[in-house]
C-alpha atoms as a PDB file:
ATOM      1  CA  MET A   1     -95.766 146.460 -36.391  1.00  0.00           C
ATOM      2  CA  ASN A   2     -96.140 149.890 -35.088  1.00  0.00           C
ATOM      3  CA  GLU A   3     -95.390 151.126 -31.934  1.00  0.00           C
ATOM      4  CA  ARG A   4     -98.851 150.957 -30.681  1.00  0.00           C
ATOM      5  CA  GLU A   5     -99.582 147.566 -31.510  1.00  0.00           C
ATOM      6  CA  ASP A   6     -96.496 146.634 -29.806  1.00  0.00           C
ATOM      7  CA  CYS A   7     -97.541 148.492 -26.106  1.00  0.00           C
ATOM      8  CA  CYS A   8    -100.262 146.231 -23.687  1.00  0.00           C
ATOM      9  CA  CYS A   9    -102.125 149.362 -23.851  1.00  0.00           C
ATOM     10  CA  SER A  10    -104.081 147.187 -25.933  1.00  0.00           C
ATOM     11  CA  ALA A  11    -107.676 146.632 -25.729  1.00  0.00           C
ATOM     12  CA  PRO A  12    -108.203 143.376 -24.885  1.00  0.00           C
ATOM     13  CA  ASP A  13    -111.383 143.129 -27.731  1.00  0.00           C
ATOM     14  CA  GLU A  14    -108.915 144.255 -29.953  1.00  0.00           C
ATOM     15  CA  GLY A  15    -106.989 140.927 -29.638  1.00  0.00           C
ATOM     16  CA  LEU A  16    -104.040 140.592 -27.535  1.00  0.00           C
ATOM     17  CA  ALA A  17    -101.169 143.015 -27.946  1.00  0.00           C
ATOM     18  CA  MET A  18     -98.033 141.957 -28.760  1.00  0.00           C
ATOM     19  CA  GLN A  19     -94.375 142.735 -27.470  1.00  0.00           C
ATOM     20  CA  PRO A  20     -91.946 142.534 -30.253  1.00  0.00           C
ATOM     21  CA  ASP A  21     -90.534 139.556 -28.823  1.00  0.00           C
ATOM     22  CA  LYS A  22     -94.034 137.965 -29.342  1.00  0.00           C
ATOM     23  CA  SER A  23     -95.149 137.431 -25.957  1.00  0.00           C
ATOM     24  CA  PRO A  24     -98.070 138.805 -24.585  1.00  0.00           C
ATOM     25  CA  ALA A  25     -98.629 142.102 -23.231  1.00  0.00           C
ATOM     26  CA  ALA A  26    -100.628 142.862 -20.013  1.00  0.00           C
ATOM     27  CA  PRO A  27    -103.891 144.362 -21.262  1.00  0.00           C
ATOM     28  CA  ARG A  28    -105.586 146.797 -18.798  1.00  0.00           C
ATOM     29  CA  THR A  29    -107.445 144.722 -16.808  1.00  0.00           C
ATOM     30  CA  LEU A  30    -111.709 145.772 -16.305  1.00  0.00           C
ATOM     31  CA  GLU A  31    -110.805 147.510 -12.584  1.00  0.00           C
ATOM     32  CA  GLU A  32    -108.430 150.178 -14.413  1.00  0.00           C
ATOM     33  CA  LYS A  33    -110.719 150.507 -16.977  1.00  0.00           C
ATOM     34  CA  GLN A  34    -114.072 151.647 -14.838  1.00  0.00           C
ATOM     35  CA  ARG A  35    -111.469 153.629 -12.747  1.00  0.00           C
ATOM     36  CA  ILE A  36    -110.795 155.958 -15.709  1.00  0.00           C
ATOM     37  CA  ILE A  37    -114.086 156.007 -17.399  1.00  0.00           C
ATOM     38  CA  ASN A  38    -115.485 156.571 -13.685  1.00  0.00           C
ATOM     39  CA  ARG A  39    -113.223 159.684 -14.382  1.00  0.00           C
ATOM     40  CA  LEU A  40    -113.877 160.955 -17.082  1.00  0.00           C
ATOM     41  CA  LYS A  41    -117.876 160.717 -16.907  1.00  0.00           C
ATOM     42  CA  ARG A  42    -117.329 162.993 -13.757  1.00  0.00           C
ATOM     43  CA  VAL A  43    -115.348 165.789 -15.763  1.00  0.00           C
ATOM     44  CA  GLU A  44    -118.020 165.417 -18.285  1.00  0.00           C
ATOM     45  CA  GLY A  45    -120.419 165.880 -15.791  1.00  0.00           C
ATOM     46  CA  GLN A  46    -117.735 169.276 -14.339  1.00  0.00           C
ATOM     47  CA  ILE A  47    -117.980 170.379 -18.953  1.00  0.00           C
ATOM     48  CA  ARG A  48    -122.129 170.150 -18.899  1.00  0.00           C
ATOM     49  CA  GLY A  49    -122.275 172.084 -15.337  1.00  0.00           C
ATOM     50  CA  LEU A  50    -119.852 174.761 -16.964  1.00  0.00           C
ATOM     51  CA  GLN A  51    -121.901 174.760 -20.163  1.00  0.00           C
ATOM     52  CA  LYS A  52    -124.653 176.075 -18.400  1.00  0.00           C
ATOM     53  CA  MET A  53    -122.813 178.276 -16.362  1.00  0.00           C
ATOM     54  CA  ILE A  54    -122.260 179.846 -19.511  1.00  0.00           C
ATOM     55  CA  GLU A  55    -125.991 179.812 -20.848  1.00  0.00           C
ATOM     56  CA  ASP A  56    -126.861 181.399 -16.973  1.00  0.00           C
ATOM     57  CA  ASP A  57    -123.919 183.854 -17.521  1.00  0.00           C
ATOM     58  CA  ARG A  58    -122.103 183.072 -13.895  1.00  0.00           C
ATOM     59  CA  TYR A  59    -119.853 185.200 -12.706  1.00  0.00           C
ATOM     60  CA  CYS A  60    -116.682 185.258 -14.508  1.00  0.00           C
ATOM     61  CA  VAL A  61    -114.243 183.920 -11.425  1.00  0.00           C
ATOM     62  CA  ASP A  62    -117.185 181.205 -10.525  1.00  0.00           C
ATOM     63  CA  ILE A  63    -116.588 180.133 -14.418  1.00  0.00           C
ATOM     64  CA  LEU A  64    -112.671 179.883 -14.279  1.00  0.00           C
ATOM     65  CA  ILE A  65    -112.314 178.639 -11.153  1.00  0.00           C
ATOM     66  CA  GLN A  66    -114.735 174.963 -12.314  1.00  0.00           C
ATOM     67  CA  LEU A  67    -112.222 175.468 -15.833  1.00  0.00           C
ATOM     68  CA  SER A  68    -109.366 174.303 -13.085  1.00  0.00           C
ATOM     69  CA  ALA A  69    -111.022 172.196 -11.667  1.00  0.00           C
ATOM     70  CA  ALA A  70    -112.071 170.406 -14.582  1.00  0.00           C
ATOM     71  CA  GLN A  71    -108.571 170.934 -16.295  1.00  0.00           C
ATOM     72  CA  ALA A  72    -106.967 169.356 -13.322  1.00  0.00           C
ATOM     73  CA  ALA A  73    -108.902 166.465 -12.969  1.00  0.00           C
ATOM     74  CA  LEU A  74    -107.915 165.960 -17.054  1.00  0.00           C
ATOM     75  CA  LYS A  75    -104.412 165.715 -16.020  1.00  0.00           C
ATOM     76  CA  LYS A  76    -104.911 163.740 -13.275  1.00  0.00           C
ATOM     77  CA  ILE A  77    -106.697 161.180 -15.202  1.00  0.00           C
ATOM     78  CA  GLY A  78    -103.818 161.853 -18.112  1.00  0.00           C
ATOM     79  CA  PHE A  79    -100.885 161.182 -15.201  1.00  0.00           C
ATOM     80  CA  SER A  80    -102.579 158.052 -14.247  1.00  0.00           C
ATOM     81  CA  VAL A  81    -102.265 157.026 -17.758  1.00  0.00           C
ATOM     82  CA  LEU A  82     -98.331 158.082 -18.002  1.00  0.00           C
ATOM     83  CA  GLU A  83     -97.812 156.317 -15.029  1.00  0.00           C
ATOM     84  CA  ARG A  84     -99.487 152.678 -16.197  1.00  0.00           C
ATOM     85  CA  HIS A  85     -97.785 153.381 -19.614  1.00  0.00           C
ATOM     86  CA  ALA A  86     -94.309 153.998 -18.525  1.00  0.00           C
ATOM     87  CA  LYS A  87     -95.044 151.104 -15.412  1.00  0.00           C
ATOM     88  CA  SER A  88     -96.095 148.556 -18.004  1.00  0.00           C
ATOM     89  CA  CYS A  89     -94.815 149.236 -21.966  1.00  0.00           C
ATOM     90  CA  VAL A  90     -91.781 151.308 -21.499  1.00  0.00           C
ATOM     91  CA  ALA A  91     -90.258 148.808 -18.491  1.00  0.00           C
ATOM     92  CA  LYS A  92     -90.559 146.062 -20.788  1.00  0.00           C
ATOM     93  CA  ALA A  93     -89.009 147.294 -23.846  1.00  0.00           C
ATOM     94  CA  ILE A  94     -86.656 148.400 -21.679  1.00  0.00           C
ATOM     95  CA  GLU A  95     -86.188 145.340 -19.681  1.00  0.00           C
ATOM     96  CA  GLU A  96     -86.307 143.420 -23.362  1.00  0.00           C
ATOM     97  CA  GLY A  97     -83.093 145.669 -24.576  1.00  0.00           C
ATOM     98  CA  HIS A  98     -85.402 147.792 -27.209  1.00  0.00           C
ATOM     99  CA  GLY A  99     -86.227 150.667 -25.213  1.00  0.00           C
ATOM    100  CA  SER A 100     -85.214 153.644 -26.591  1.00  0.00           C
ATOM    101  CA  ASP A 101     -88.289 154.218 -29.187  1.00  0.00           C
ATOM    102  CA  GLN A 102     -90.558 154.505 -26.266  1.00  0.00           C
ATOM    103  CA  ILE A 103     -88.676 156.015 -24.291  1.00  0.00           C
ATOM    104  CA  ASN A 104     -88.393 158.548 -27.254  1.00  0.00           C
ATOM    105  CA  GLU A 105     -92.235 158.122 -27.747  1.00  0.00           C
ATOM    106  CA  LEU A 106     -92.695 159.036 -23.926  1.00  0.00           C
ATOM    107  CA  LEU A 107     -90.841 161.854 -24.213  1.00  0.00           C
ATOM    108  CA  LYS A 108     -92.699 163.254 -27.089  1.00  0.00           C
ATOM    109  CA  VAL A 109     -95.879 162.601 -25.435  1.00  0.00           C
ATOM    110  CA  LEU A 110     -94.603 164.579 -21.647  1.00  0.00           C
ATOM    111  CA  GLN A 111     -93.422 167.244 -24.387  1.00  0.00           C
ATOM    112  CA  GLN A 112     -97.322 167.592 -25.347  1.00  0.00           C
ATOM    113  CA  PHE A 113     -98.753 166.986 -21.717  1.00  0.00           C
ATOM    114  CA  TYR A 114     -96.639 169.777 -20.483  1.00  0.00           C
ATOM    115  CA  LYS A 115     -97.851 172.968 -22.610  1.00  0.00           C
END
């Protein structure tokens, strides 16, 4: 299994994710998924608004403020997913004594996140 198959982040409709010890992991709940999807839909609306602002030749500062708001919203979603991953997938791997790969993967993601 690759690292992603070992993670609890897999969707339940893709089959129950399995940890390396073959114990079932906890997939995202419907509530967790819906909360993330709702936030993404709000960001999608912000992006559409930005497109309209460009089409309407709106003032540059107004566009920049809206871009900043959309970026902040995406970051917030990312941190939410990151927190869930750290508290579930990475924590479980550490508890089971094989967390170094998960930690390294997490560090790479954090590096990407802060670019």
